[in-house]
Amino acid sequence: MGKNTTTGQIILGDFSEMIVGQWGGIDVLANQYAEGPYSRGAVQVRILTTLDMIPRRAEAFTIVNDVAL
């Protein structure tokens, strides 16, 4: 690979072993004045929530480093 190659990480695993906890609510924000969508007759919608995640078993997951992007 060349010197300017960008690298990253990949997380592989059995995601049924991931425990996901949601705390707080779900915020739905509509912006009917956003320039791009509004000019095409659409409305921009943004949905925000807060989650925590932890693996039930750490050995169910692995991280692969230095993956070429």
PDB file of N, CA and C in Angstrom:
ATOM      1  N   MET A   1       0.833  -1.180   0.000  1.00  0.00           N
ATOM      2  CA  MET A   1       0.000   0.000   0.000  1.00  0.00           C
ATOM      3  C   MET A   1       0.878   1.242   0.000  1.00  0.00           C
ATOM      4  N   GLY A   2       0.333   2.322  -0.542  1.00  0.00           N
ATOM      5  CA  GLY A   2       1.072   3.569  -0.635  1.00  0.00           C
ATOM      6  C   GLY A   2       1.188   4.273   0.703  1.00  0.00           C
ATOM      7  N   LYS A   3       2.028   5.271   0.740  1.00  0.00           N
ATOM      8  CA  LYS A   3       2.256   6.025   1.973  1.00  0.00           C
ATOM      9  C   LYS A   3       1.035   6.818   2.414  1.00  0.00           C
ATOM     10  N   ASN A   4       0.182   7.224   1.487  1.00  0.00           N
ATOM     11  CA  ASN A   4      -0.970   8.064   1.821  1.00  0.00           C
ATOM     12  C   ASN A   4      -2.246   7.260   2.078  1.00  0.00           C
ATOM     13  N   THR A   5      -2.137   5.964   2.272  1.00  0.00           N
ATOM     14  CA  THR A   5      -3.306   5.123   2.504  1.00  0.00           C
ATOM     15  C   THR A   5      -3.907   5.420   3.879  1.00  0.00           C
ATOM     16  N   THR A   6      -5.201   5.648   3.901  1.00  0.00           N
ATOM     17  CA  THR A   6      -5.909   5.877   5.159  1.00  0.00           C
ATOM     18  C   THR A   6      -6.334   4.533   5.726  1.00  0.00           C
ATOM     19  N   THR A   7      -6.150   4.348   7.034  1.00  0.00           N
ATOM     20  CA  THR A   7      -6.552   3.093   7.674  1.00  0.00           C
ATOM     21  C   THR A   7      -7.563   3.366   8.774  1.00  0.00           C
ATOM     22  N   GLY A   8      -8.275   2.322   9.148  1.00  0.00           N
ATOM     23  CA  GLY A   8      -9.275   2.438  10.197  1.00  0.00           C
ATOM     24  C   GLY A   8      -9.428   1.123  10.933  1.00  0.00           C
ATOM     25  N   GLN A   9     -10.536   0.977  11.643  1.00  0.00           N
ATOM     26  CA  GLN A   9     -10.815  -0.223  12.418  1.00  0.00           C
ATOM     27  C   GLN A   9     -12.171  -0.780  12.032  1.00  0.00           C
ATOM     28  N   ILE A  10     -12.320  -2.091  12.178  1.00  0.00           N
ATOM     29  CA  ILE A  10     -13.605  -2.762  11.983  1.00  0.00           C
ATOM     30  C   ILE A  10     -13.896  -3.558  13.247  1.00  0.00           C
ATOM     31  N   ILE A  11     -15.125  -3.467  13.743  1.00  0.00           N
ATOM     32  CA  ILE A  11     -15.552  -4.274  14.889  1.00  0.00           C
ATOM     33  C   ILE A  11     -16.398  -5.411  14.345  1.00  0.00           C
ATOM     34  N   LEU A  12     -15.977  -6.637  14.618  1.00  0.00           N
ATOM     35  CA  LEU A  12     -16.689  -7.828  14.186  1.00  0.00           C
ATOM     36  C   LEU A  12     -17.198  -8.559  15.414  1.00  0.00           C
ATOM     37  N   GLY A  13     -18.384  -9.143  15.309  1.00  0.00           N
ATOM     38  CA  GLY A  13     -18.877  -9.904  16.442  1.00  0.00           C
ATOM     39  C   GLY A  13     -20.312 -10.336  16.290  1.00  0.00           C
ATOM     40  N   ASP A  14     -20.776 -10.985  17.327  1.00  0.00           N
ATOM     41  CA  ASP A  14     -22.161 -11.449  17.418  1.00  0.00           C
ATOM     42  C   ASP A  14     -22.954 -10.366  18.144  1.00  0.00           C
ATOM     43  N   PHE A  15     -23.615  -9.497  17.368  1.00  0.00           N
ATOM     44  CA  PHE A  15     -24.277  -8.342  17.963  1.00  0.00           C
ATOM     45  C   PHE A  15     -25.539  -8.715  18.750  1.00  0.00           C
ATOM     46  N   SER A  16     -25.940  -9.991  18.729  1.00  0.00           N
ATOM     47  CA  SER A  16     -27.017 -10.410  19.627  1.00  0.00           C
ATOM     48  C   SER A  16     -26.506 -10.480  21.069  1.00  0.00           C
ATOM     49  N   GLU A  17     -25.183 -10.431  21.251  1.00  0.00           N
ATOM     50  CA  GLU A  17     -24.558 -10.404  22.575  1.00  0.00           C
ATOM     51  C   GLU A  17     -24.386  -8.979  23.107  1.00  0.00           C
ATOM     52  N   MET A  18     -24.882  -7.976  22.384  1.00  0.00           N
ATOM     53  CA  MET A  18     -24.751  -6.581  22.800  1.00  0.00           C
ATOM     54  C   MET A  18     -26.002  -6.169  23.584  1.00  0.00           C
ATOM     55  N   ILE A  19     -25.796  -5.598  24.746  1.00  0.00           N
ATOM     56  CA  ILE A  19     -26.901  -5.079  25.554  1.00  0.00           C
ATOM     57  C   ILE A  19     -26.989  -3.578  25.276  1.00  0.00           C
ATOM     58  N   VAL A  20     -28.170  -3.129  24.876  1.00  0.00           N
ATOM     59  CA  VAL A  20     -28.391  -1.730  24.535  1.00  0.00           C
ATOM     60  C   VAL A  20     -29.403  -1.154  25.517  1.00  0.00           C
ATOM     61  N   GLY A  21     -29.023  -0.078  26.187  1.00  0.00           N
ATOM     62  CA  GLY A  21     -29.926   0.581  27.119  1.00  0.00           C
ATOM     63  C   GLY A  21     -30.206   2.001  26.652  1.00  0.00           C
ATOM     64  N   GLN A  22     -31.455   2.341  26.538  1.00  0.00           N
ATOM     65  CA  GLN A  22     -31.829   3.702  26.147  1.00  0.00           C
ATOM     66  C   GLN A  22     -32.244   4.462  27.389  1.00  0.00           C
ATOM     67  N   TRP A  23     -31.704   5.649  27.567  1.00  0.00           N
ATOM     68  CA  TRP A  23     -32.110   6.488  28.680  1.00  0.00           C
ATOM     69  C   TRP A  23     -32.408   7.857  28.126  1.00  0.00           C
ATOM     70  N   GLY A  24     -33.363   8.463  28.733  1.00  0.00           N
ATOM     71  CA  GLY A  24     -33.858   9.718  28.170  1.00  0.00           C
ATOM     72  C   GLY A  24     -34.935   9.399  27.153  1.00  0.00           C
ATOM     73  N   GLY A  25     -35.273  10.367  26.368  1.00  0.00           N
ATOM     74  CA  GLY A  25     -36.334  10.176  25.388  1.00  0.00           C
ATOM     75  C   GLY A  25     -35.798  10.203  23.982  1.00  0.00           C
ATOM     76  N   ILE A  26     -36.698  10.293  23.049  1.00  0.00           N
ATOM     77  CA  ILE A  26     -36.357  10.441  21.642  1.00  0.00           C
ATOM     78  C   ILE A  26     -36.818  11.823  21.217  1.00  0.00           C
ATOM     79  N   ASP A  27     -35.900  12.624  20.687  1.00  0.00           N
ATOM     80  CA  ASP A  27     -36.227  13.960  20.205  1.00  0.00           C
ATOM     81  C   ASP A  27     -36.380  13.922  18.701  1.00  0.00           C
ATOM     82  N   VAL A  28     -37.513  14.397  18.206  1.00  0.00           N
ATOM     83  CA  VAL A  28     -37.753  14.514  16.772  1.00  0.00           C
ATOM     84  C   VAL A  28     -37.824  15.994  16.448  1.00  0.00           C
ATOM     85  N   LEU A  29     -36.878  16.471  15.649  1.00  0.00           N
ATOM     86  CA  LEU A  29     -36.790  17.884  15.315  1.00  0.00           C
ATOM     87  C   LEU A  29     -37.029  18.062  13.825  1.00  0.00           C
ATOM     88  N   ALA A  30     -38.016  18.849  13.471  1.00  0.00           N
ATOM     89  CA  ALA A  30     -38.301  19.140  12.069  1.00  0.00           C
ATOM     90  C   ALA A  30     -37.837  20.552  11.749  1.00  0.00           C
ATOM     91  N   ASN A  31     -37.124  20.694  10.642  1.00  0.00           N
ATOM     92  CA  ASN A  31     -36.645  22.004  10.202  1.00  0.00           C
ATOM     93  C   ASN A  31     -37.168  22.237   8.790  1.00  0.00           C
ATOM     94  N   GLN A  32     -38.304  22.874   8.690  1.00  0.00           N
ATOM     95  CA  GLN A  32     -38.904  23.092   7.375  1.00  0.00           C
ATOM     96  C   GLN A  32     -38.212  24.214   6.607  1.00  0.00           C
ATOM     97  N   TYR A  33     -37.252  24.890   7.238  1.00  0.00           N
ATOM     98  CA  TYR A  33     -36.565  26.007   6.590  1.00  0.00           C
ATOM     99  C   TYR A  33     -35.133  25.677   6.173  1.00  0.00           C
ATOM    100  N   ALA A  34     -34.702  24.420   6.280  1.00  0.00           N
ATOM    101  CA  ALA A  34     -33.362  24.035   5.831  1.00  0.00           C
ATOM    102  C   ALA A  34     -33.260  24.292   4.337  1.00  0.00           C
ATOM    103  N   GLU A  35     -32.203  24.971   3.931  1.00  0.00           N
ATOM    104  CA  GLU A  35     -32.105  25.444   2.550  1.00  0.00           C
ATOM    105  C   GLU A  35     -32.195  24.339   1.508  1.00  0.00           C
ATOM    106  N   GLY A  36     -31.412  23.282   1.653  1.00  0.00           N
ATOM    107  CA  GLY A  36     -31.410  22.217   0.638  1.00  0.00           C
ATOM    108  C   GLY A  36     -32.754  21.512   0.497  1.00  0.00           C
ATOM    109  N   PRO A  37     -33.229  20.856   1.565  1.00  0.00           N
ATOM    110  CA  PRO A  37     -34.514  20.148   1.469  1.00  0.00           C
ATOM    111  C   PRO A  37     -35.680  21.090   1.171  1.00  0.00           C
ATOM    112  N   TYR A  38     -35.692  22.273   1.779  1.00  0.00           N
ATOM    113  CA  TYR A  38     -36.821  23.202   1.608  1.00  0.00           C
ATOM    114  C   TYR A  38     -36.956  23.636   0.153  1.00  0.00           C
ATOM    115  N   SER A  39     -35.826  23.875  -0.516  1.00  0.00           N
ATOM    116  CA  SER A  39     -35.888  24.305  -1.912  1.00  0.00           C
ATOM    117  C   SER A  39     -36.441  23.210  -2.825  1.00  0.00           C
ATOM    118  N   ARG A  40     -36.394  21.944  -2.373  1.00  0.00           N
ATOM    119  CA  ARG A  40     -36.944  20.833  -3.158  1.00  0.00           C
ATOM    120  C   ARG A  40     -38.344  20.442  -2.697  1.00  0.00           C
ATOM    121  N   GLY A  41     -38.939  21.247  -1.798  1.00  0.00           N
ATOM    122  CA  GLY A  41     -40.285  20.963  -1.314  1.00  0.00           C
ATOM    123  C   GLY A  41     -40.342  19.916  -0.220  1.00  0.00           C
ATOM    124  N   ALA A  42     -39.230  19.699   0.486  1.00  0.00           N
ATOM    125  CA  ALA A  42     -39.170  18.681   1.533  1.00  0.00           C
ATOM    126  C   ALA A  42     -38.929  19.338   2.898  1.00  0.00           C
ATOM    127  N   VAL A  43     -38.958  18.542   3.939  1.00  0.00           N
ATOM    128  CA  VAL A  43     -38.683  18.991   5.299  1.00  0.00           C
ATOM    129  C   VAL A  43     -37.543  18.138   5.847  1.00  0.00           C
ATOM    130  N   GLN A  44     -36.561  18.781   6.470  1.00  0.00           N
ATOM    131  CA  GLN A  44     -35.461  18.069   7.104  1.00  0.00           C
ATOM    132  C   GLN A  44     -35.913  17.613   8.487  1.00  0.00           C
ATOM    133  N   VAL A  45     -35.740  16.314   8.780  1.00  0.00           N
ATOM    134  CA  VAL A  45     -36.115  15.762  10.088  1.00  0.00           C
ATOM    135  C   VAL A  45     -34.870  15.143  10.709  1.00  0.00           C
ATOM    136  N   ARG A  46     -34.636  15.467  11.970  1.00  0.00           N
ATOM    137  CA  ARG A  46     -33.507  14.920  12.715  1.00  0.00           C
ATOM    138  C   ARG A  46     -34.056  14.216  13.941  1.00  0.00           C
ATOM    139  N   ILE A  47     -33.615  12.964  14.173  1.00  0.00           N
ATOM    140  CA  ILE A  47     -34.065  12.178  15.324  1.00  0.00           C
ATOM    141  C   ILE A  47     -32.841  11.898  16.193  1.00  0.00           C
ATOM    142  N   LEU A  48     -32.930  12.274  17.479  1.00  0.00           N
ATOM    143  CA  LEU A  48     -31.818  12.116  18.411  1.00  0.00           C
ATOM    144  C   LEU A  48     -32.258  11.274  19.608  1.00  0.00           C
ATOM    145  N   THR A  49     -31.376  10.394  20.062  1.00  0.00           N
ATOM    146  CA  THR A  49     -31.631   9.615  21.265  1.00  0.00           C
ATOM    147  C   THR A  49     -30.295   9.342  21.956  1.00  0.00           C
ATOM    148  N   THR A  50     -30.334   8.945  23.195  1.00  0.00           N
ATOM    149  CA  THR A  50     -29.128   8.640  23.949  1.00  0.00           C
ATOM    150  C   THR A  50     -29.159   7.169  24.347  1.00  0.00           C
ATOM    151  N   LEU A  51     -28.089   6.447  23.991  1.00  0.00           N
ATOM    152  CA  LEU A  51     -28.000   5.007  24.245  1.00  0.00           C
ATOM    153  C   LEU A  51     -26.666   4.674  24.897  1.00  0.00           C
ATOM    154  N   ASP A  52     -26.643   3.614  25.689  1.00  0.00           N
ATOM    155  CA  ASP A  52     -25.416   3.005  26.185  1.00  0.00           C
ATOM    156  C   ASP A  52     -25.391   1.578  25.672  1.00  0.00           C
ATOM    157  N   MET A  53     -24.187   1.103  25.346  1.00  0.00           N
ATOM    158  CA  MET A  53     -24.045  -0.266  24.856  1.00  0.00           C
ATOM    159  C   MET A  53     -22.884  -0.940  25.574  1.00  0.00           C
ATOM    160  N   ILE A  54     -23.066  -2.226  25.896  1.00  0.00           N
ATOM    161  CA  ILE A  54     -21.996  -3.006  26.515  1.00  0.00           C
ATOM    162  C   ILE A  54     -22.160  -4.456  26.061  1.00  0.00           C
ATOM    163  N   PRO A  55     -21.059  -5.119  25.735  1.00  0.00           N
ATOM    164  CA  PRO A  55     -21.177  -6.527  25.337  1.00  0.00           C
ATOM    165  C   PRO A  55     -21.461  -7.412  26.544  1.00  0.00           C
ATOM    166  N   ARG A  56     -22.344  -8.368  26.342  1.00  0.00           N
ATOM    167  CA  ARG A  56     -22.635  -9.345  27.404  1.00  0.00           C
ATOM    168  C   ARG A  56     -21.406 -10.221  27.645  1.00  0.00           C
ATOM    169  N   ARG A  57     -20.756 -10.613  26.559  1.00  0.00           N
ATOM    170  CA  ARG A  57     -19.519 -11.409  26.625  1.00  0.00           C
ATOM    171  C   ARG A  57     -18.484 -10.740  25.724  1.00  0.00           C
ATOM    172  N   ALA A  58     -17.395 -10.258  26.295  1.00  0.00           N
ATOM    173  CA  ALA A  58     -16.365  -9.551  25.523  1.00  0.00           C
ATOM    174  C   ALA A  58     -15.756 -10.433  24.439  1.00  0.00           C
ATOM    175  N   GLU A  59     -15.673 -11.739  24.668  1.00  0.00           N
ATOM    176  CA  GLU A  59     -15.064 -12.633  23.683  1.00  0.00           C
ATOM    177  C   GLU A  59     -15.949 -12.827  22.438  1.00  0.00           C
ATOM    178  N   ALA A  60     -17.154 -12.278  22.446  1.00  0.00           N
ATOM    179  CA  ALA A  60     -18.033 -12.345  21.272  1.00  0.00           C
ATOM    180  C   ALA A  60     -17.665 -11.300  20.233  1.00  0.00           C
ATOM    181  N   PHE A  61     -16.698 -10.424  20.550  1.00  0.00           N
ATOM    182  CA  PHE A  61     -16.321  -9.336  19.650  1.00  0.00           C
ATOM    183  C   PHE A  61     -14.811  -9.277  19.473  1.00  0.00           C
ATOM    184  N   THR A  62     -14.402  -8.748  18.334  1.00  0.00           N
ATOM    185  CA  THR A  62     -12.991  -8.509  18.073  1.00  0.00           C
ATOM    186  C   THR A  62     -12.851  -7.242  17.254  1.00  0.00           C
ATOM    187  N   ILE A  63     -11.699  -6.597  17.371  1.00  0.00           N
ATOM    188  CA  ILE A  63     -11.419  -5.369  16.615  1.00  0.00           C
ATOM    189  C   ILE A  63     -10.264  -5.680  15.655  1.00  0.00           C
ATOM    190  N   VAL A  64     -10.477  -5.367  14.382  1.00  0.00           N
ATOM    191  CA  VAL A  64      -9.445  -5.519  13.374  1.00  0.00           C
ATOM    192  C   VAL A  64      -8.874  -4.133  13.102  1.00  0.00           C
ATOM    193  N   ASN A  65      -7.582  -3.965  13.330  1.00  0.00           N
ATOM    194  CA  ASN A  65      -6.908  -2.673  13.152  1.00  0.00           C
ATOM    195  C   ASN A  65      -6.241  -2.566  11.785  1.00  0.00           C
ATOM    196  N   ASP A  66      -5.936  -1.357  11.392  1.00  0.00           N
ATOM    197  CA  ASP A  66      -5.169  -1.046  10.180  1.00  0.00           C
ATOM    198  C   ASP A  66      -5.825  -1.597   8.912  1.00  0.00           C
ATOM    199  N   VAL A  67      -7.137  -1.427   8.813  1.00  0.00           N
ATOM    200  CA  VAL A  67      -7.869  -1.818   7.620  1.00  0.00           C
ATOM    201  C   VAL A  67      -7.800  -0.647   6.640  1.00  0.00           C
ATOM    202  N   ALA A  68      -7.392  -0.904   5.399  1.00  0.00           N
ATOM    203  CA  ALA A  68      -7.315   0.161   4.400  1.00  0.00           C
ATOM    204  C   ALA A  68      -8.715   0.630   4.064  1.00  0.00           C
ATOM    205  N   LEU A  69      -8.901   1.954   4.056  1.00  0.00           N
ATOM    206  CA  LEU A  69     -10.197   2.529   3.739  1.00  0.00           C
ATOM    207  C   LEU A  69     -10.197   3.076   2.331  1.00  0.00           C
TER     208      LEU A  69
END
